[in-house]
């Protein structure tokens, strides 16, 4: 799992940390990262899909 996480971009890692560790909503993450809510949603989706694909390969 740590290997898969290392393959994410810094933005994707930060998005996942704020969502699942800090338990913030996309709207709150958008304010912190100074991006739109849609950008947060897209980063989240890309990160989750990338992790899913990497973990299914193993």
N, C-alpha and C. Protein backbone atom coordinates (compact mmCIF):
# COMPACT_ATOMS: atom_id res chain seq x y z
N UNK A 1 0.83 -1.21 0.00
CA UNK A 1 0.00 0.00 0.00
C UNK A 1 0.86 1.26 0.00
N UNK A 2 1.93 1.26 0.81
CA UNK A 2 2.81 2.43 0.86
C UNK A 2 3.44 2.69 -0.50
N UNK A 3 3.78 1.61 -1.22
CA UNK A 3 4.32 1.75 -2.57
C UNK A 3 3.32 2.44 -3.47
N UNK A 4 2.07 2.04 -3.40
CA UNK A 4 1.02 2.63 -4.24
C UNK A 4 0.84 4.11 -3.90
N UNK A 5 0.87 4.44 -2.63
CA UNK A 5 0.71 5.83 -2.22
C UNK A 5 1.85 6.70 -2.74
N UNK A 6 3.04 6.14 -2.81
CA UNK A 6 4.19 6.92 -3.28
C UNK A 6 4.06 7.28 -4.76
N UNK A 7 3.19 6.61 -5.49
CA UNK A 7 3.01 6.89 -6.91
C UNK A 7 1.98 7.98 -7.18
N UNK A 8 1.31 8.44 -6.14
CA UNK A 8 0.35 9.53 -6.29
C UNK A 8 1.08 10.87 -6.35
N UNK A 9 0.45 11.85 -6.98
CA UNK A 9 1.02 13.20 -6.99
C UNK A 9 0.86 13.80 -5.59
N UNK A 10 1.62 14.85 -5.31
CA UNK A 10 1.50 15.52 -4.01
C UNK A 10 0.09 16.06 -3.80
N UNK A 11 -0.52 16.56 -4.85
CA UNK A 11 -1.89 17.08 -4.75
C UNK A 11 -2.86 15.97 -4.40
N UNK A 12 -2.70 14.82 -5.03
CA UNK A 12 -3.57 13.68 -4.75
C UNK A 12 -3.39 13.20 -3.31
N UNK A 13 -2.15 13.14 -2.86
CA UNK A 13 -1.88 12.72 -1.47
C UNK A 13 -2.49 13.69 -0.48
N UNK A 14 -2.33 14.99 -0.75
CA UNK A 14 -2.89 16.00 0.15
C UNK A 14 -4.41 15.92 0.18
N UNK A 15 -5.02 15.72 -0.98
CA UNK A 15 -6.48 15.59 -1.05
C UNK A 15 -6.96 14.41 -0.21
N UNK A 16 -6.32 13.26 -0.36
CA UNK A 16 -6.71 12.08 0.41
C UNK A 16 -6.49 12.28 1.91
N UNK A 17 -5.37 12.93 2.27
CA UNK A 17 -5.09 13.18 3.69
C UNK A 17 -6.18 14.07 4.29
N UNK A 18 -6.50 15.15 3.60
CA UNK A 18 -7.51 16.07 4.13
C UNK A 18 -8.88 15.41 4.19
N UNK A 19 -9.18 14.56 3.23
CA UNK A 19 -10.49 13.89 3.20
C UNK A 19 -10.60 12.81 4.26
N UNK A 20 -9.61 11.92 4.34
CA UNK A 20 -9.74 10.73 5.18
C UNK A 20 -9.04 10.82 6.53
N UNK A 21 -8.01 11.62 6.65
CA UNK A 21 -7.34 11.77 7.95
C UNK A 21 -7.96 12.93 8.72
N UNK A 22 -8.10 14.07 8.03
CA UNK A 22 -8.66 15.25 8.69
C UNK A 22 -10.18 15.31 8.61
N UNK A 23 -10.78 14.38 7.82
CA UNK A 23 -12.24 14.25 7.73
C UNK A 23 -12.94 15.53 7.27
N UNK A 24 -12.37 16.16 6.24
CA UNK A 24 -12.95 17.40 5.72
C UNK A 24 -13.82 17.11 4.49
N UNK A 25 -14.75 18.00 4.23
CA UNK A 25 -15.60 17.92 3.04
C UNK A 25 -14.84 18.51 1.85
N UNK A 26 -15.27 18.15 0.64
CA UNK A 26 -14.61 18.67 -0.56
C UNK A 26 -14.60 20.21 -0.56
N UNK A 27 -15.67 20.80 -0.08
CA UNK A 27 -15.76 22.27 -0.04
C UNK A 27 -14.67 22.85 0.85
N UNK A 28 -14.44 22.23 2.00
CA UNK A 28 -13.40 22.70 2.92
C UNK A 28 -12.00 22.49 2.33
N UNK A 29 -11.82 21.35 1.67
CA UNK A 29 -10.54 21.05 1.04
C UNK A 29 -10.26 22.07 -0.06
N UNK A 30 -11.28 22.42 -0.81
CA UNK A 30 -11.13 23.40 -1.89
C UNK A 30 -10.62 24.73 -1.36
N UNK A 31 -11.15 25.16 -0.23
CA UNK A 31 -10.72 26.43 0.37
C UNK A 31 -9.25 26.33 0.80
N UNK A 32 -8.89 25.24 1.47
CA UNK A 32 -7.52 25.06 1.94
C UNK A 32 -6.53 25.03 0.78
N UNK A 33 -6.89 24.32 -0.28
CA UNK A 33 -5.98 24.15 -1.41
C UNK A 33 -6.11 25.26 -2.46
N UNK A 34 -7.04 26.18 -2.24
CA UNK A 34 -7.26 27.31 -3.13
C UNK A 34 -7.57 26.86 -4.57
N UNK A 35 -8.47 25.88 -4.66
CA UNK A 35 -8.94 25.37 -5.96
C UNK A 35 -10.45 25.23 -5.89
N UNK A 36 -11.06 24.89 -7.01
CA UNK A 36 -12.51 24.70 -7.02
C UNK A 36 -12.88 23.35 -6.41
N UNK A 37 -14.12 23.24 -6.01
CA UNK A 37 -14.64 21.98 -5.48
C UNK A 37 -14.54 20.88 -6.54
N UNK A 38 -14.75 21.26 -7.79
CA UNK A 38 -14.67 20.30 -8.89
C UNK A 38 -13.25 19.77 -9.05
N UNK A 39 -12.25 20.62 -8.84
CA UNK A 39 -10.86 20.19 -8.93
C UNK A 39 -10.54 19.19 -7.81
N UNK A 40 -11.07 19.44 -6.62
CA UNK A 40 -10.88 18.52 -5.50
C UNK A 40 -11.52 17.18 -5.83
N UNK A 41 -12.74 17.22 -6.34
CA UNK A 41 -13.45 16.00 -6.69
C UNK A 41 -12.68 15.21 -7.75
N UNK A 42 -12.16 15.91 -8.75
CA UNK A 42 -11.41 15.25 -9.82
C UNK A 42 -10.12 14.62 -9.27
N UNK A 43 -9.39 15.37 -8.44
CA UNK A 43 -8.16 14.83 -7.83
C UNK A 43 -8.46 13.60 -6.98
N UNK A 44 -9.53 13.67 -6.23
CA UNK A 44 -9.93 12.55 -5.38
C UNK A 44 -10.23 11.32 -6.23
N UNK A 45 -11.03 11.51 -7.26
CA UNK A 45 -11.41 10.40 -8.13
C UNK A 45 -10.19 9.78 -8.81
N UNK A 46 -9.30 10.63 -9.33
CA UNK A 46 -8.09 10.13 -9.98
C UNK A 46 -7.21 9.34 -9.00
N UNK A 47 -7.07 9.85 -7.78
CA UNK A 47 -6.24 9.19 -6.77
C UNK A 47 -6.83 7.83 -6.39
N UNK A 48 -8.13 7.78 -6.15
CA UNK A 48 -8.78 6.53 -5.77
C UNK A 48 -8.68 5.51 -6.90
N UNK A 49 -8.92 5.95 -8.13
CA UNK A 49 -8.82 5.04 -9.27
C UNK A 49 -7.39 4.53 -9.45
N UNK A 50 -6.41 5.41 -9.28
CA UNK A 50 -5.01 4.99 -9.42
C UNK A 50 -4.65 3.96 -8.35
N UNK A 51 -5.06 4.21 -7.11
CA UNK A 51 -4.79 3.26 -6.03
C UNK A 51 -5.48 1.92 -6.29
N UNK A 52 -6.72 1.99 -6.72
CA UNK A 52 -7.47 0.75 -7.01
C UNK A 52 -6.77 -0.06 -8.09
N UNK A 53 -6.37 0.59 -9.16
CA UNK A 53 -5.68 -0.10 -10.25
C UNK A 53 -4.34 -0.70 -9.81
N UNK A 54 -3.58 0.05 -9.04
CA UNK A 54 -2.28 -0.42 -8.58
C UNK A 54 -2.43 -1.61 -7.64
N UNK A 55 -3.44 -1.57 -6.78
CA UNK A 55 -3.63 -2.65 -5.81
C UNK A 55 -4.21 -3.90 -6.47
N UNK A 56 -4.98 -3.73 -7.53
CA UNK A 56 -5.53 -4.89 -8.24
C UNK A 56 -4.47 -5.62 -9.05
N UNK A 57 -3.42 -4.90 -9.43
CA UNK A 57 -2.33 -5.52 -10.20
C UNK A 57 -1.55 -6.53 -9.37
N UNK A 58 -1.55 -6.35 -8.07
CA UNK A 58 -0.73 -7.20 -7.19
C UNK A 58 -1.40 -8.47 -6.83
